């Protein structure tokens, strides 16, 4: 058995353990009631799937003895945050859900926000999460039509169109009737807290009013809104009448994967759900508990969270400020079963799709590692240069982690060297990328792929040698039809690849992705540069106004189509007129 002598010294006590690869990098952090039994289990039994791959990479381990299982759990969570091990589930790409904010001060208004961007202060109240941003916006738009909330941004000196059509009380310049505001606020909050009848009655009142005045088009429009609201709300009903905000968490495990399901219940309604499926590496309860901790670090914490009896309530409660309950009977037990059934259904329905995705991603990643003579590839940085038409030279970097694009890691670079110098362009970008990574101690790749041949590879090797980094570099060359053709190794030899293999299609996807990303950035800069150069010719347009015009219109063609009145929203009348005349004379009318 591997590590037999070292394992014999591990105590039968609670604690946290850290697995390391041959480079000394921590690749997995766990906890155990009994460190000796848990660590021995890694090496004295057969594993399959992702667990087998992880165990094969373990070159050493270390551990920290704790006084209790809870203390071990706290140590584990803190170490995961510090080292971000590749085999611990991390929610770096997890998006927060849409909520509706009611903002009371200085004026009553509604907006749709993501939870992570919400600052709970200044009289704001939070409602949600909603099934999607569309549903939340639909409800906000409807409430804005039915109630005279503040709708415009800023604080204009004169009342706007909304005031004249009766959809605003004129907060910016009128003396507002506080009784009307209070009545409106009471009704809106009552609806958002679950009283559907208020909104339905309000809509019916408006429909009848429009019908009586023969405004059938507006009546029909509101009828459609009512039907939409009915559909959304009917799907949300559950048999709970205590109006407690609660989440229900359960999971299902099969074929080496775990499916975790979270039901969001707000004010007696099932508003939304979250399902995540990922490979199970070892201890089921550890995976679920760690996921719950990370999830509620990024999302709203409800008053109550229901969990299965296999979950350690004390562990979760130490990190999540909520009432964590294990239901034993009744409707809450039924809700837990509903979450379990959904977790099972999602995994069973998606398993074939998961297997196909596995073939295209992590298995293709493993094939690439084998082809290049590497033990393992986890992270790949892919680079491309773009200098179309000899201007605005840029580079882009895309990142693939375990075979999948990690878009939050993508980076764009403006290039300072000569636009036609691919060699020095690649040197500049790679130096900026990896010198910064060394300073910040951020993640380094296992493999670098440059979109090009010998020049780019030599440039990459020069920079890696300068920075004393041992990272494998390969190049991808395209044929005259701009399709992936050859894989060039760091010694500049061609590596033969079966054109029908998963690894060839995998390399093609990476090359296409970095090319798309870089070209889009290049086009954006060219568009902004074109606008900027034209605006420089107009007296009265300085950096601030230029920036506003670029932000509002985005292209010369759109500025040309704008009316003088639209331009006057940013520019003084005389400057707007001068710009309009200049564009009309410089560009022929279409």
Protein backbone atom coordinates (compact mmCIF):
# COMPACT_ATOMS: atom_id res chain seq x y z
CA UNK A 1 0.00 0.00 0.00
CA UNK A 2 1.32 3.46 -0.94
CA UNK A 3 2.48 5.60 2.01
CA UNK A 4 2.19 2.59 4.34
CA UNK A 5 4.86 3.80 6.80
CA UNK A 6 3.56 7.38 6.85
CA UNK A 7 -0.03 6.25 7.34
CA UNK A 8 0.97 4.19 10.36
CA UNK A 9 1.89 7.44 12.15
CA UNK A 10 -1.43 9.21 11.45
CA UNK A 11 -3.50 9.46 14.68
CA UNK A 12 -7.08 8.23 15.07
CA UNK A 13 -8.26 11.79 15.74
CA UNK A 14 -10.40 14.38 13.93
CA UNK A 15 -8.69 16.81 11.59
CA UNK A 16 -8.21 18.19 8.10
CA UNK A 17 -5.93 16.63 5.47
CA UNK A 18 -4.36 18.06 2.31
CA UNK A 19 -3.35 16.00 -0.73
CA UNK A 20 -0.38 17.19 -2.83
CA UNK A 21 0.82 16.38 -6.35
CA UNK A 22 4.46 15.88 -7.41
CA UNK A 23 4.96 19.67 -7.60
CA UNK A 24 3.89 20.12 -3.99
CA UNK A 25 0.62 21.78 -5.04
CA UNK A 26 -2.40 21.05 -2.85
CA UNK A 27 -4.99 19.41 -5.11
CA UNK A 28 -7.59 18.35 -2.52
CA UNK A 29 -8.56 19.31 1.04
CA UNK A 30 -10.82 17.17 3.22
CA UNK A 31 -11.81 16.54 6.83
CA UNK A 32 -12.39 13.42 8.89
CA UNK A 33 -13.61 12.21 12.28
CA UNK A 34 -10.74 9.73 12.14
CA UNK A 35 -7.76 10.91 10.09
CA UNK A 36 -6.10 7.48 10.03
CA UNK A 37 -9.15 5.65 8.65
CA UNK A 38 -9.97 8.34 6.11
CA UNK A 39 -6.44 8.70 4.73
CA UNK A 40 -5.97 4.93 4.59
CA UNK A 41 -9.16 4.62 2.56
CA UNK A 42 -7.54 6.57 -0.27
CA UNK A 43 -4.85 3.97 -0.79
CA UNK A 44 -6.22 0.61 0.34
CA UNK A 45 -9.19 0.28 -2.02
CA UNK A 46 -9.97 0.58 -5.71
CA UNK A 47 -11.41 3.83 -7.03
CA UNK A 48 -13.10 4.71 -10.31
CA UNK A 49 -13.71 7.78 -12.47
CA UNK A 50 -12.56 11.19 -11.22
CA UNK A 51 -11.61 9.78 -7.82
CA UNK A 52 -9.18 7.32 -9.43
CA UNK A 53 -7.63 10.15 -11.45
CA UNK A 54 -7.20 12.31 -8.35
CA UNK A 55 -5.69 9.48 -6.28
CA UNK A 56 -3.23 8.69 -9.10
CA UNK A 57 -1.89 12.26 -8.83
CA UNK A 58 -1.33 12.17 -5.04
CA UNK A 59 2.40 12.29 -4.34
CA UNK A 60 2.22 13.28 -0.68
CA UNK A 61 -0.21 14.30 2.04
CA UNK A 62 -0.22 16.36 5.23
CA UNK A 63 -2.78 16.86 7.97
CA UNK A 64 -3.79 19.12 10.85
CA UNK A 65 -5.19 17.48 13.98
CA UNK A 66 -8.27 19.20 15.45
CA UNK A 67 -9.97 19.00 18.84
CA UNK A 68 -13.39 18.18 17.31
CA UNK A 69 -15.11 17.38 14.03
CA UNK A 70 -16.52 20.93 13.92
CA UNK A 71 -13.04 22.42 14.29
CA UNK A 72 -11.81 20.07 11.52
CA UNK A 73 -14.62 21.31 9.29
CA UNK A 74 -13.73 24.96 9.93
CA UNK A 75 -10.07 24.27 9.14
CA UNK A 76 -11.09 22.47 5.94
CA UNK A 77 -13.25 25.35 4.70
CA UNK A 78 -10.55 27.93 5.43
CA UNK A 79 -7.88 25.87 3.62
CA UNK A 80 -10.14 25.44 0.58
CA UNK A 81 -10.59 29.22 0.43
CA UNK A 82 -6.85 29.77 0.75
CA UNK A 83 -5.54 27.18 -1.73
CA UNK A 84 -8.47 26.73 -4.15
CA UNK A 85 -7.57 23.05 -4.83
CA UNK A 86 -8.49 21.79 -8.28
CA UNK A 87 -10.48 18.79 -6.98
CA UNK A 88 -12.58 20.71 -4.46
CA UNK A 89 -15.78 22.11 -5.94
CA UNK A 90 -15.52 25.89 -6.22
CA UNK A 91 -18.35 28.22 -7.22
CA UNK A 92 -16.25 30.80 -9.03
CA UNK A 93 -18.58 30.79 -12.05
CA UNK A 94 -21.81 30.55 -10.12
CA UNK A 95 -24.17 33.40 -10.96
CA UNK A 96 -26.40 34.99 -8.38
CA UNK A 97 -30.14 35.10 -8.95
CA UNK A 98 -32.34 38.06 -9.91
CA UNK A 99 -34.22 39.82 -7.14
CA UNK A 100 -36.60 42.77 -7.08
CA UNK A 101 -35.42 45.68 -4.93
CA UNK A 102 -37.92 48.12 -3.47
CA UNK A 103 -36.05 51.36 -2.71
CA UNK A 104 -37.90 53.81 -0.46
CA UNK A 105 -35.44 56.70 -0.17
CA UNK A 106 -35.13 59.29 -1.52
CA UNK A 107 -37.97 58.27 -3.87
CA UNK A 108 -39.96 55.04 -4.12
CA UNK A 109 -38.81 52.89 -7.07
CA UNK A 110 -38.26 49.30 -8.15
CA UNK A 111 -35.32 47.68 -9.90
CA UNK A 112 -34.05 44.21 -10.78
CA UNK A 113 -30.68 43.32 -9.25
CA UNK A 114 -28.40 40.34 -8.84
CA UNK A 115 -27.93 39.36 -5.21
CA UNK A 116 -24.15 39.83 -5.17
CA UNK A 117 -24.53 43.46 -6.34
CA UNK A 118 -27.19 44.45 -3.83
CA UNK A 119 -26.24 46.68 -0.91
CA UNK A 120 -28.88 46.36 1.79
CA UNK A 121 -29.22 49.88 3.10
CA UNK A 122 -31.14 53.11 2.59
CA UNK A 123 -34.56 51.56 3.09
CA UNK A 124 -34.15 48.88 0.42
CA UNK A 125 -36.27 45.74 0.62
CA UNK A 126 -35.42 42.54 -1.24
CA UNK A 127 -37.85 40.07 -2.88
CA UNK A 128 -36.99 36.87 -4.74
CA UNK A 129 -35.22 35.02 -6.15
CA UNK A 130 -37.23 35.03 -9.38
CA UNK A 131 -37.11 32.22 -11.99
CA UNK A 132 -35.10 34.43 -14.34
CA UNK A 133 -34.30 38.06 -15.03
CA UNK A 134 -37.05 38.23 -17.67
CA UNK A 135 -39.74 37.28 -15.14
CA UNK A 136 -38.43 39.82 -12.62
CA UNK A 137 -38.28 42.61 -15.23
CA UNK A 138 -41.78 41.73 -16.43
CA UNK A 139 -43.17 42.16 -12.93
CA UNK A 140 -41.23 45.41 -12.34
CA UNK A 141 -42.44 46.86 -15.65
CA UNK A 142 -46.03 45.94 -14.83
CA UNK A 143 -45.83 47.49 -11.37
CA UNK A 144 -44.35 50.64 -12.91
CA UNK A 145 -47.32 50.83 -15.29
CA UNK A 146 -49.87 50.35 -12.51
CA UNK A 147 -48.27 52.57 -9.86
CA UNK A 148 -46.74 56.09 -10.06
CA UNK A 149 -43.23 55.12 -8.93
CA UNK A 150 -40.15 57.15 -9.86
CA UNK A 151 -38.89 55.78 -13.17
CA UNK A 152 -36.30 58.19 -14.55
CA UNK A 153 -32.65 58.38 -13.46
CA UNK A 154 -31.13 61.35 -11.71
CA UNK A 155 -33.08 64.39 -10.52
CA UNK A 156 -34.35 66.45 -13.49
CA UNK A 157 -35.46 70.05 -12.95
CA UNK A 158 -38.66 69.57 -14.92
CA UNK A 159 -41.22 66.77 -14.79
CA UNK A 160 -40.94 64.21 -17.58
CA UNK A 161 -43.40 62.34 -19.78
CA UNK A 162 -44.18 59.80 -17.05
CA UNK A 163 -45.73 62.58 -14.92
CA UNK A 164 -47.91 63.83 -17.76
CA UNK A 165 -49.31 60.34 -18.48
CA UNK A 166 -50.01 59.69 -14.81
CA UNK A 167 -47.24 57.12 -14.20
CA UNK A 168 -45.17 59.30 -11.82
CA UNK A 169 -46.07 61.68 -8.99
CA UNK A 170 -43.45 64.23 -10.10
CA UNK A 171 -40.99 63.52 -7.28
CA UNK A 172 -38.29 65.76 -8.75
CA UNK A 173 -40.20 69.06 -8.72
CA UNK A 174 -43.67 68.64 -7.17
CA UNK A 175 -44.93 68.47 -3.62
CA UNK A 176 -45.79 64.78 -3.40
CA UNK A 177 -48.82 63.56 -1.45
CA UNK A 178 -47.25 61.32 1.23
CA UNK A 179 -50.57 59.51 1.83
CA UNK A 180 -50.61 58.42 -1.82
CA UNK A 181 -47.01 57.23 -1.54
CA UNK A 182 -47.80 55.25 1.62
CA UNK A 183 -50.89 53.64 0.04
CA UNK A 184 -48.93 52.72 -3.08
CA UNK A 185 -46.03 51.32 -1.04
CA UNK A 186 -48.35 49.21 1.10
CA UNK A 187 -49.98 47.60 -1.94
CA UNK A 188 -46.71 46.93 -3.77
CA UNK A 189 -45.03 45.37 -0.73
CA UNK A 190 -48.12 43.31 0.00
CA UNK A 191 -48.00 41.86 -3.52
CA UNK A 192 -44.25 41.20 -3.39
CA UNK A 193 -44.76 39.40 -0.07
CA UNK A 194 -47.30 37.04 -1.58
CA UNK A 195 -50.72 38.76 -1.80
CA UNK A 196 -51.42 38.10 -5.49
CA UNK A 197 -55.01 39.38 -5.37
CA UNK A 198 -53.89 43.00 -4.98
CA UNK A 199 -52.13 43.02 -8.34
CA UNK A 200 -54.81 41.00 -10.12
CA UNK A 201 -57.55 43.32 -8.87
CA UNK A 202 -55.52 46.36 -9.90
CA UNK A 203 -55.06 44.97 -13.41
CA UNK A 204 -58.77 44.11 -13.72
CA UNK A 205 -59.67 47.62 -12.58
CA UNK A 206 -57.49 49.08 -15.35
CA UNK A 207 -58.85 46.65 -17.95
CA UNK A 208 -62.44 47.66 -17.13
CA UNK A 209 -61.49 51.34 -17.25
CA UNK A 210 -59.87 50.99 -20.70
CA UNK A 211 -62.80 48.93 -21.98
CA UNK A 212 -65.34 51.52 -20.83
CA UNK A 213 -63.40 54.23 -22.67
CA UNK A 214 -63.25 51.96 -25.79
CA UNK A 215 -59.44 51.69 -25.53
CA UNK A 216 -59.50 47.99 -26.39
CA UNK A 217 -55.85 47.82 -27.42
CA UNK A 218 -54.64 48.83 -23.95
CA UNK A 219 -57.20 46.54 -22.33
CA UNK A 220 -55.99 43.57 -24.40
CA UNK A 221 -52.39 44.39 -23.56
CA UNK A 222 -53.14 44.33 -19.83
CA UNK A 223 -55.16 41.11 -20.23
CA UNK A 224 -52.04 39.43 -21.63
CA UNK A 225 -50.05 40.71 -18.67
CA UNK A 226 -52.66 39.24 -16.31
CA UNK A 227 -52.45 35.87 -18.05
CA UNK A 228 -48.65 35.90 -17.73
CA UNK A 229 -48.83 36.73 -14.02
CA UNK A 230 -51.38 33.92 -13.50
CA UNK A 231 -49.10 31.39 -15.19
CA UNK A 232 -46.04 32.45 -13.18
CA UNK A 233 -47.84 32.53 -9.84
CA UNK A 234 -49.80 29.28 -10.35
CA UNK A 235 -46.53 27.40 -10.93
CA UNK A 236 -45.17 28.72 -7.66
CA UNK A 237 -47.82 27.39 -5.26
CA UNK A 238 -46.84 24.97 -2.51
CA UNK A 239 -48.84 23.88 0.52
CA UNK A 240 -47.25 26.22 3.08
CA UNK A 241 -49.06 29.03 4.80
CA UNK A 242 -46.56 30.30 7.37
CA UNK A 243 -44.92 32.69 4.82
CA UNK A 244 -41.44 31.78 6.07
CA UNK A 245 -38.59 32.23 3.59
CA UNK A 246 -36.88 28.84 3.39
CA UNK A 247 -34.63 26.77 1.15
CA UNK A 248 -34.82 23.00 0.79
CA UNK A 249 -31.57 21.15 0.01
CA UNK A 250 -31.17 17.52 -1.02
CA UNK A 251 -28.91 15.41 -3.24
CA UNK A 252 -28.64 12.17 -5.21
CA UNK A 253 -25.52 10.18 -6.11
CA UNK A 254 -25.05 7.72 -8.99
CA UNK A 255 -22.36 6.63 -11.47
CA UNK A 256 -19.67 8.70 -9.77
CA UNK A 257 -21.65 11.97 -9.96
CA UNK A 258 -23.55 13.97 -7.38
CA UNK A 259 -26.66 16.05 -8.13
CA UNK A 260 -27.54 18.76 -5.60
CA UNK A 261 -30.98 20.39 -5.70
CA UNK A 262 -32.05 23.55 -3.86
CA UNK A 263 -35.68 24.72 -3.83
CA UNK A 264 -36.27 28.41 -3.02
CA UNK A 265 -39.55 28.98 -1.16
CA UNK A 266 -40.55 32.55 -0.44
CA UNK A 267 -43.80 33.59 1.24
CA UNK A 268 -45.37 30.15 0.68
CA UNK A 269 -44.37 30.01 -3.01
CA UNK A 270 -41.82 27.91 -4.83
CA UNK A 271 -40.13 30.73 -6.72
CA UNK A 272 -37.08 29.04 -8.19
CA UNK A 273 -34.67 26.14 -7.93
CA UNK A 274 -30.99 25.40 -8.43
CA UNK A 275 -29.50 22.13 -9.68
CA UNK A 276 -25.80 21.40 -10.01
CA UNK A 277 -24.18 18.14 -11.13
CA UNK A 278 -20.48 17.43 -10.82
CA UNK A 279 -18.09 14.47 -10.36
CA UNK A 280 -17.92 13.03 -6.87
CA UNK A 281 -14.36 12.70 -5.63
CA UNK A 282 -14.79 10.97 -2.30
CA UNK A 283 -16.92 11.61 0.77
CA UNK A 284 -20.51 12.49 -0.14
CA UNK A 285 -21.42 14.45 2.98
CA UNK A 286 -18.21 16.51 2.74
CA UNK A 287 -19.06 17.48 -0.83
CA UNK A 288 -22.61 18.54 0.07
CA UNK A 289 -21.63 20.46 3.19
CA UNK A 290 -18.85 22.32 1.34
CA UNK A 291 -21.21 23.18 -1.49
CA UNK A 292 -23.81 24.57 0.93
CA UNK A 293 -21.20 26.73 2.70
CA UNK A 294 -19.95 28.20 -0.59
CA UNK A 295 -23.45 28.67 -2.00
CA UNK A 296 -24.66 30.79 0.93
CA UNK A 297 -21.50 32.87 0.89
CA UNK A 298 -22.74 34.13 -2.51
CA UNK A 299 -26.54 34.06 -2.17
CA UNK A 300 -29.32 35.25 0.09
CA UNK A 301 -29.56 33.32 3.36
CA UNK A 302 -33.22 32.51 4.15
CA UNK A 303 -34.68 32.24 7.64
CA UNK A 304 -34.80 28.44 7.43
CA UNK A 305 -32.90 25.73 5.51
CA UNK A 306 -34.15 22.15 5.35
CA UNK A 307 -31.51 19.43 4.86
CA UNK A 308 -31.40 15.59 4.88
CA UNK A 309 -30.47 13.71 8.04
CA UNK A 310 -27.04 12.80 6.58
CA UNK A 311 -25.92 16.44 6.82
CA UNK A 312 -24.11 17.67 9.93
CA UNK A 313 -26.28 20.57 11.10
CA UNK A 314 -23.63 21.84 13.53
CA UNK A 315 -21.08 22.18 10.71
CA UNK A 316 -23.43 24.18 8.48
CA UNK A 317 -24.67 26.39 11.33
CA UNK A 318 -21.11 27.45 12.13
CA UNK A 319 -20.94 29.22 8.75
CA UNK A 320 -24.54 29.95 7.73
CA UNK A 321 -26.65 32.24 9.92
CA UNK A 322 -29.95 30.43 9.50
CA UNK A 323 -32.13 27.85 11.24
CA UNK A 324 -30.87 24.52 9.80
CA UNK A 325 -33.51 21.82 10.24
CA UNK A 326 -33.83 18.10 9.48
CA UNK A 327 -37.58 17.54 8.95
CA UNK A 328 -39.02 14.32 10.37
CA UNK A 329 -42.61 14.41 9.08
CA UNK A 330 -45.33 16.46 7.44
CA UNK A 331 -45.14 18.98 4.61
CA UNK A 332 -41.48 19.85 5.29
CA UNK A 333 -40.51 16.20 4.94
CA UNK A 334 -42.48 16.12 1.68
CA UNK A 335 -40.59 19.18 0.42
CA UNK A 336 -37.29 17.45 1.18
CA UNK A 337 -38.46 14.44 -0.84
CA UNK A 338 -39.43 16.79 -3.68
CA UNK A 339 -35.89 18.18 -3.69
CA UNK A 340 -34.44 14.64 -3.66
CA UNK A 341 -36.74 13.51 -6.50
CA UNK A 342 -35.68 16.51 -8.59
CA UNK A 343 -31.98 15.86 -7.88
CA UNK A 344 -32.43 12.23 -8.98
CA UNK A 345 -34.47 13.12 -12.05
CA UNK A 346 -31.96 15.75 -13.21
CA UNK A 347 -28.99 13.38 -12.87
CA UNK A 348 -30.74 10.47 -14.60
CA UNK A 349 -32.02 12.67 -17.44
CA UNK A 350 -28.71 14.40 -18.00
CA UNK A 351 -26.34 11.46 -17.52
CA UNK A 352 -25.98 10.58 -21.22
CA UNK A 353 -25.41 14.25 -22.00
CA UNK A 354 -22.81 14.41 -19.20
CA UNK A 355 -21.01 11.38 -20.61
CA UNK A 356 -20.91 12.92 -24.10
CA UNK A 357 -19.64 16.17 -22.65
CA UNK A 358 -17.01 14.21 -20.72
CA UNK A 359 -15.76 12.67 -23.97
CA UNK A 360 -15.44 16.13 -25.54
CA UNK A 361 -13.83 17.85 -22.56
CA UNK A 362 -11.96 16.20 -19.70
CA UNK A 363 -11.31 12.92 -21.58
CA UNK A 364 -10.06 14.88 -24.59
CA UNK A 365 -7.93 16.81 -22.11
CA UNK A 366 -6.48 13.52 -20.82
CA UNK A 367 -5.81 12.37 -24.40
CA UNK A 368 -3.94 15.61 -25.07
CA UNK A 369 -1.81 15.08 -21.95
CA UNK A 370 -0.94 11.57 -23.10
CA UNK A 371 -0.12 12.82 -26.62
CA UNK A 372 2.27 15.42 -25.18
CA UNK A 373 3.85 13.01 -22.69
CA UNK A 374 2.45 14.87 -19.67
CA UNK A 375 1.12 13.25 -16.48
CA UNK A 376 -1.83 15.58 -16.23
CA UNK A 377 -3.28 18.76 -17.74
CA UNK A 378 -5.69 20.83 -15.67
CA UNK A 379 -5.38 24.42 -16.92
CA UNK A 380 -4.51 25.55 -20.46
CA UNK A 381 -3.80 29.19 -21.46
CA UNK A 382 -4.37 29.84 -25.18
CA UNK A 383 -3.07 33.03 -26.89
CA UNK A 384 -3.79 34.75 -30.20
CA UNK A 385 -2.65 38.04 -31.80
CA UNK A 386 -4.73 40.27 -34.05
CA UNK A 387 -3.50 43.20 -36.13
CA UNK A 388 -6.05 43.46 -38.95
CA UNK A 389 -5.38 46.25 -41.44
CA UNK A 390 -2.17 47.17 -39.65
CA UNK A 391 -3.83 49.01 -36.75
CA UNK A 392 -4.97 48.47 -33.17
CA UNK A 393 -2.72 45.47 -32.45
CA UNK A 394 -4.19 43.36 -29.67
CA UNK A 395 -3.85 39.92 -28.11
CA UNK A 396 -6.32 37.70 -26.34
CA UNK A 397 -5.98 34.87 -23.84
CA UNK A 398 -8.66 32.25 -23.25
CA UNK A 399 -8.46 29.60 -20.54
CA UNK A 400 -9.67 26.02 -20.51
CA UNK A 401 -9.88 24.23 -17.15
CA UNK A 402 -10.33 20.46 -17.17
CA UNK A 403 -11.45 20.68 -20.79
CA UNK A 404 -13.99 23.50 -20.44
CA UNK A 405 -13.71 27.25 -21.11
CA UNK A 406 -13.30 29.32 -17.93
CA UNK A 407 -14.59 32.66 -19.23
CA UNK A 408 -13.97 34.60 -16.02
CA UNK A 409 -10.25 33.92 -16.61
CA UNK A 410 -10.18 35.36 -20.15
CA UNK A 411 -7.95 38.41 -20.65
CA UNK A 412 -7.54 41.14 -23.34
CA UNK A 413 -4.27 42.95 -24.07
CA UNK A 414 -3.44 46.10 -26.02
CA UNK A 415 -0.03 45.74 -27.66
CA UNK A 416 2.62 48.47 -27.59
CA UNK A 417 5.12 46.94 -30.07
CA UNK A 418 5.00 47.27 -33.88
CA UNK A 419 1.71 45.84 -35.15
CA UNK A 420 3.37 43.47 -37.65
CA UNK A 421 5.87 41.99 -35.20
CA UNK A 422 4.29 38.70 -34.06
CA UNK A 423 7.45 37.57 -32.27
CA UNK A 424 7.78 40.60 -29.99
CA UNK A 425 4.01 40.90 -29.60
CA UNK A 426 3.91 37.38 -28.15
CA UNK A 427 6.90 38.13 -25.90
CA UNK A 428 5.24 41.29 -24.54
CA UNK A 429 1.93 39.62 -23.79
CA UNK A 430 3.39 36.49 -22.20
CA UNK A 431 5.74 38.56 -20.05
CA UNK A 432 2.85 40.74 -18.84
CA UNK A 433 0.67 37.70 -18.14
CA UNK A 434 3.17 35.54 -16.23
CA UNK A 435 5.21 38.21 -14.51
CA UNK A 436 1.97 39.45 -12.97
CA UNK A 437 0.92 35.89 -12.08
CA UNK A 438 4.23 35.43 -10.21
CA UNK A 439 3.85 38.71 -8.35
CA UNK A 440 0.20 38.02 -7.41
CA UNK A 441 0.79 34.27 -6.90
CA UNK A 442 -2.20 33.51 -9.10
CA UNK A 443 -2.80 30.29 -11.04
CA UNK A 444 -0.27 29.17 -13.62
CA UNK A 445 -1.20 26.84 -16.49
CA UNK A 446 0.02 23.30 -17.08
CA UNK A 447 0.17 24.03 -20.81
CA UNK A 448 0.46 27.12 -23.02
CA UNK A 449 -0.91 27.03 -26.58
CA UNK A 450 0.06 29.81 -28.99
CA UNK A 451 -1.92 30.35 -32.17
CA UNK A 452 0.95 30.16 -34.63
CA UNK A 453 4.15 28.34 -35.50
CA UNK A 454 7.86 28.58 -34.78
CA UNK A 455 8.10 32.34 -34.09
CA UNK A 456 5.41 32.32 -31.41
CA UNK A 457 6.83 29.19 -29.75
CA UNK A 458 10.32 30.69 -29.62
CA UNK A 459 8.91 33.91 -28.15
CA UNK A 460 7.05 31.93 -25.47
CA UNK A 461 10.12 29.88 -24.55
CA UNK A 462 12.26 33.03 -24.31
CA UNK A 463 9.87 34.60 -21.79
CA UNK A 464 9.39 31.41 -19.76
CA UNK A 465 13.18 30.99 -19.50
CA UNK A 466 13.50 34.64 -18.47
CA UNK A 467 10.92 34.13 -15.69
CA UNK A 468 12.33 30.69 -14.74
CA UNK A 469 9.01 28.97 -15.41
CA UNK A 470 8.82 25.33 -16.48
CA UNK A 471 5.58 25.26 -18.51
CA UNK A 472 5.12 23.21 -21.67
CA UNK A 473 4.44 25.22 -24.85
CA UNK A 474 2.89 24.05 -28.13
CA UNK A 475 1.70 25.91 -31.23
CA UNK A 476 -1.35 25.50 -33.45
CA UNK A 477 -0.98 26.29 -37.15
CA UNK A 478 -3.86 26.74 -39.59
CA UNK A 479 -3.86 25.73 -43.24
CA UNK A 480 -4.66 28.02 -46.19
CA UNK A 481 -8.38 27.44 -45.51
CA UNK A 482 -7.92 28.82 -41.98
CA UNK A 483 -8.64 25.47 -40.33
CA UNK A 484 -6.60 23.79 -37.59
CA UNK A 485 -3.86 21.81 -39.34
CA UNK A 486 -0.73 21.07 -37.29
CA UNK A 487 0.24 20.82 -33.63
CA UNK A 488 3.84 22.02 -33.20
CA UNK A 489 5.81 20.88 -30.15
CA UNK A 490 8.26 23.06 -28.21
CA UNK A 491 11.16 21.47 -30.13
CA UNK A 492 9.41 22.70 -33.32
CA UNK A 493 8.56 19.20 -34.58
CA UNK A 494 5.07 18.39 -35.89
CA UNK A 495 2.91 16.14 -33.70
CA UNK A 496 0.60 13.98 -35.77
CA UNK A 497 -3.06 13.97 -34.70
CA UNK A 498 -5.94 11.89 -36.04
CA UNK A 499 -8.27 14.44 -37.69
CA UNK A 500 -11.31 12.47 -36.46
CA UNK A 501 -10.18 12.20 -32.83
CA UNK A 502 -11.63 13.97 -29.78
CA UNK A 503 -8.31 15.68 -29.13
CA UNK A 504 -8.19 17.20 -32.63
CA UNK A 505 -11.71 18.62 -32.25
CA UNK A 506 -10.76 19.82 -28.76
CA UNK A 507 -7.75 21.74 -30.11
CA UNK A 508 -9.91 23.18 -32.89
CA UNK A 509 -12.46 24.44 -30.35
CA UNK A 510 -9.72 26.14 -28.35
CA UNK A 511 -8.21 27.75 -31.45
CA UNK A 512 -11.60 28.96 -32.68
CA UNK A 513 -12.48 30.33 -29.23
CA UNK A 514 -9.30 32.37 -28.79
CA UNK A 515 -9.59 33.68 -32.37
CA UNK A 516 -13.22 34.72 -31.83
CA UNK A 517 -12.43 36.40 -28.51
CA UNK A 518 -9.43 38.33 -29.87
CA UNK A 519 -11.08 39.42 -33.12
CA UNK A 520 -14.14 40.73 -31.24
CA UNK A 521 -11.87 42.80 -29.01
CA UNK A 522 -9.99 44.09 -32.05
CA UNK A 523 -13.23 45.13 -33.78
CA UNK A 524 -14.42 46.93 -30.66
CA UNK A 525 -11.21 48.96 -30.47
CA UNK A 526 -11.30 49.72 -34.19
CA UNK A 527 -14.88 50.94 -33.93
CA UNK A 528 -14.11 53.17 -30.96
CA UNK A 529 -10.89 54.38 -32.61
CA UNK A 530 -12.78 55.31 -35.76
CA UNK A 531 -15.31 57.34 -33.80
CA UNK A 532 -12.58 58.97 -31.76
CA UNK A 533 -10.57 60.07 -34.81
CA UNK A 534 -13.64 61.68 -36.41
CA UNK A 535 -14.72 63.44 -33.21
CA UNK A 536 -11.23 64.92 -32.82
CA UNK A 537 -11.99 67.10 -35.85
CA UNK A 538 -14.92 68.88 -34.15
CA UNK A 539 -14.23 71.91 -31.97
CA UNK A 540 -16.09 71.71 -28.68
CA UNK A 541 -15.85 67.94 -28.29
CA UNK A 542 -13.30 67.11 -25.61
CA UNK A 543 -12.42 63.79 -23.92
CA UNK A 544 -15.49 63.73 -21.64
CA UNK A 545 -18.03 64.46 -24.41
CA UNK A 546 -16.23 62.07 -26.75
CA UNK A 547 -16.55 59.31 -24.16
CA UNK A 548 -20.28 60.02 -23.73
CA UNK A 549 -20.90 59.91 -27.48
CA UNK A 550 -19.01 56.62 -27.86
CA UNK A 551 -20.95 55.11 -24.96
CA UNK A 552 -24.35 56.25 -26.26
CA UNK A 553 -24.00 55.59 -30.01
CA UNK A 554 -21.11 53.14 -30.43
CA UNK A 555 -20.38 53.87 -34.11
CA UNK A 556 -20.05 56.71 -36.62
CA UNK A 557 -23.01 55.40 -38.64
CA UNK A 558 -25.30 55.61 -35.59
CA UNK A 559 -24.11 59.14 -34.74
CA UNK A 560 -24.78 60.14 -38.37
CA UNK A 561 -28.35 58.81 -38.13
CA UNK A 562 -29.02 60.65 -34.85
CA UNK A 563 -31.04 63.86 -34.92
CA UNK A 564 -29.65 67.18 -33.72
CA UNK A 565 -32.03 66.92 -30.75
CA UNK A 566 -30.54 63.54 -29.77
CA UNK A 567 -27.01 64.93 -30.06
CA UNK A 568 -28.04 67.89 -27.90
CA UNK A 569 -28.58 65.46 -25.01
CA UNK A 570 -24.78 65.39 -24.78
CA UNK A 571 -23.55 68.41 -26.74
CA UNK A 572 -24.37 72.14 -26.74
CA UNK A 573 -26.72 73.10 -29.59
CA UNK A 574 -24.06 74.79 -31.73
CA UNK A 575 -21.61 71.87 -31.35
CA UNK A 576 -24.35 69.30 -32.11
CA UNK A 577 -25.27 71.22 -35.27
CA UNK A 578 -21.63 71.48 -36.34
CA UNK A 579 -21.12 67.72 -35.83
CA UNK A 580 -24.26 66.95 -37.84
CA UNK A 581 -23.12 69.18 -40.74
CA UNK A 582 -19.63 67.69 -40.64
CA UNK A 583 -20.89 64.10 -40.84
CA UNK A 584 -23.38 64.91 -43.61
CA UNK A 585 -20.66 66.50 -45.70
CA UNK A 586 -17.99 63.89 -44.95
CA UNK A 587 -20.14 60.79 -45.59
CA UNK A 588 -22.56 60.38 -48.46
CA UNK A 589 -26.13 59.79 -47.46
CA UNK A 590 -27.29 56.21 -47.86
